[in-house]
Amino acid sequence: MTFPCDFSLKVMGENTDNYPAYVLSVCQEHVTGVDESALHTRHSSSGKYIAVTVKLVVTSRKQLDDLYIELNNHKQTKMAL
C-alpha cells in the first residue's frame, strides 16, 4: 500500500442500534475528516448481524493497524476486514 490512500474498512458485528455509531466514532478517533456520509450499513439475512463499511483516507500503516486493533477488541465485533 502507498499512503495516503483511499480505504474501505469493513466490519461485521452484532446488530444493535449503537454498533454503527461505535464503528464511526472509532474511525473518527483515528482518521480526520470522517463523517456519517462515509458510513454504509447492511443487515444479515437473519438480522442478527450488521456489516458496516466506512470509506476512509488513511495516512499510514500504523493508523490502519491501530484502527483494526481497537475495533477487534470490542465485544460486539465479529470480524474486521
C-alpha atoms as a PDB file:
ATOM      1  CA  MET A   1       0.000   0.000   0.000  1.00  0.00           C
ATOM      2  CA  THR A   2       1.087   3.506  -0.748  1.00  0.00           C
ATOM      3  CA  PHE A   3      -0.043   6.128   1.742  1.00  0.00           C
ATOM      4  CA  PRO A   4      -2.113   8.225   1.850  1.00  0.00           C
ATOM      5  CA  CYS A   5      -4.761   6.075   0.174  1.00  0.00           C
ATOM      6  CA  ASP A   6      -8.498   5.564  -0.056  1.00  0.00           C
ATOM      7  CA  PHE A   7      -9.575   2.596   2.019  1.00  0.00           C
ATOM      8  CA  SER A   8     -12.896   0.851   2.608  1.00  0.00           C
ATOM      9  CA  LEU A   9     -12.962  -0.539   6.118  1.00  0.00           C
ATOM     10  CA  LYS A  10     -15.447  -3.381   6.554  1.00  0.00           C
ATOM     11  CA  VAL A  11     -16.563  -4.505   9.984  1.00  0.00           C
ATOM     12  CA  MET A  12     -19.121  -7.147  10.925  1.00  0.00           C
ATOM     13  CA  GLY A  13     -20.743  -7.070  14.338  1.00  0.00           C
ATOM     14  CA  GLU A  14     -23.842  -7.826  16.329  1.00  0.00           C
ATOM     15  CA  ASN A  15     -26.868  -5.899  15.084  1.00  0.00           C
ATOM     16  CA  THR A  16     -27.539  -3.326  17.793  1.00  0.00           C
ATOM     17  CA  ASP A  17     -28.614   0.282  17.453  1.00  0.00           C
ATOM     18  CA  ASN A  18     -25.303   1.604  18.710  1.00  0.00           C
ATOM     19  CA  TYR A  19     -22.841  -0.622  16.804  1.00  0.00           C
ATOM     20  CA  PRO A  20     -22.632   1.522  13.617  1.00  0.00           C
ATOM     21  CA  ALA A  21     -22.214   4.643  15.784  1.00  0.00           C
ATOM     22  CA  TYR A  22     -19.437   2.891  17.708  1.00  0.00           C
ATOM     23  CA  VAL A  23     -17.596   1.999  14.481  1.00  0.00           C
ATOM     24  CA  LEU A  24     -17.940   5.575  13.221  1.00  0.00           C
ATOM     25  CA  SER A  25     -16.651   7.027  16.490  1.00  0.00           C
ATOM     26  CA  VAL A  26     -13.576   4.776  16.440  1.00  0.00           C
ATOM     27  CA  CYS A  27     -12.883   5.792  12.840  1.00  0.00           C
ATOM     28  CA  GLN A  28     -13.218   9.460  13.791  1.00  0.00           C
ATOM     29  CA  GLU A  29     -10.700   8.989  16.625  1.00  0.00           C
ATOM     30  CA  HIS A  30      -8.092   7.588  14.250  1.00  0.00           C
ATOM     31  CA  VAL A  31      -8.805   9.340  10.941  1.00  0.00           C
ATOM     32  CA  THR A  32      -9.563  13.026  10.394  1.00  0.00           C
ATOM     33  CA  GLY A  33     -12.435  14.159   8.215  1.00  0.00           C
ATOM     34  CA  VAL A  34     -14.690  11.116   8.665  1.00  0.00           C
ATOM     35  CA  ASP A  35     -18.400  11.840   8.947  1.00  0.00           C
ATOM     36  CA  GLU A  36     -21.655   9.916   8.758  1.00  0.00           C
ATOM     37  CA  SER A  37     -21.771  10.177   4.955  1.00  0.00           C
ATOM     38  CA  ALA A  38     -18.762   7.803   4.820  1.00  0.00           C
ATOM     39  CA  LEU A  39     -20.753   5.069   6.577  1.00  0.00           C
ATOM     40  CA  HIS A  40     -22.817   2.359   4.889  1.00  0.00           C
ATOM     41  CA  THR A  41     -24.613  -0.480   6.672  1.00  0.00           C
ATOM     42  CA  ARG A  42     -26.173  -3.746   5.583  1.00  0.00           C
ATOM     43  CA  HIS A  43     -28.035  -6.263   7.743  1.00  0.00           C
ATOM     44  CA  SER A  44     -27.535 -10.014   7.507  1.00  0.00           C
ATOM     45  CA  SER A  45     -30.436 -12.075   6.181  1.00  0.00           C
ATOM     46  CA  SER A  46     -31.262 -13.255   9.692  1.00  0.00           C
ATOM     47  CA  GLY A  47     -30.955  -9.745  11.109  1.00  0.00           C
ATOM     48  CA  LYS A  48     -28.571 -10.930  13.823  1.00  0.00           C
ATOM     49  CA  TYR A  49     -25.511  -9.159  12.366  1.00  0.00           C
ATOM     50  CA  ILE A  50     -24.751  -5.872  10.669  1.00  0.00           C
ATOM     51  CA  ALA A  51     -21.986  -5.112   8.182  1.00  0.00           C
ATOM     52  CA  VAL A  52     -20.555  -1.618   8.463  1.00  0.00           C
ATOM     53  CA  THR A  53     -18.408  -0.136   5.692  1.00  0.00           C
ATOM     54  CA  VAL A  54     -16.587   3.157   6.206  1.00  0.00           C
ATOM     55  CA  LYS A  55     -14.733   4.910   3.399  1.00  0.00           C
ATOM     56  CA  LEU A  56     -11.546   6.488   4.749  1.00  0.00           C
ATOM     57  CA  VAL A  57      -8.358   8.172   3.631  1.00  0.00           C
ATOM     58  CA  VAL A  58      -5.609   6.554   5.688  1.00  0.00           C
ATOM     59  CA  THR A  59      -2.153   8.041   6.001  1.00  0.00           C
ATOM     60  CA  SER A  60      -0.061   5.209   7.466  1.00  0.00           C
ATOM     61  CA  ARG A  61       0.059   1.507   8.195  1.00  0.00           C
ATOM     62  CA  LYS A  62       0.207   2.260  11.935  1.00  0.00           C
ATOM     63  CA  GLN A  63      -3.017   4.278  11.695  1.00  0.00           C
ATOM     64  CA  LEU A  64      -4.727   1.351   9.983  1.00  0.00           C
ATOM     65  CA  ASP A  65      -3.318  -1.200  12.453  1.00  0.00           C
ATOM     66  CA  ASP A  66      -4.451   0.883  15.452  1.00  0.00           C
ATOM     67  CA  LEU A  67      -7.927   1.156  13.966  1.00  0.00           C
ATOM     68  CA  TYR A  68      -8.194  -2.615  13.444  1.00  0.00           C
ATOM     69  CA  ILE A  69      -6.901  -3.374  16.935  1.00  0.00           C
ATOM     70  CA  GLU A  70      -9.457  -1.121  18.617  1.00  0.00           C
ATOM     71  CA  LEU A  71     -12.357  -2.401  16.516  1.00  0.00           C
ATOM     72  CA  ASN A  72     -11.415  -6.067  17.033  1.00  0.00           C
ATOM     73  CA  ASN A  73     -11.198  -5.573  20.813  1.00  0.00           C
ATOM     74  CA  HIS A  74     -14.883  -4.613  21.013  1.00  0.00           C
ATOM     75  CA  LYS A  75     -17.068  -7.472  22.274  1.00  0.00           C
ATOM     76  CA  GLN A  76     -19.695  -6.993  19.526  1.00  0.00           C
ATOM     77  CA  THR A  77     -17.195  -7.119  16.657  1.00  0.00           C
ATOM     78  CA  LYS A  78     -17.088 -10.477  14.907  1.00  0.00           C
ATOM     79  CA  MET A  79     -14.726  -9.588  12.063  1.00  0.00           C
ATOM     80  CA  ALA A  80     -12.880  -6.576  10.624  1.00  0.00           C
ATOM     81  CA  LEU A  81     -11.518  -6.597   7.071  1.00  0.00           C
END
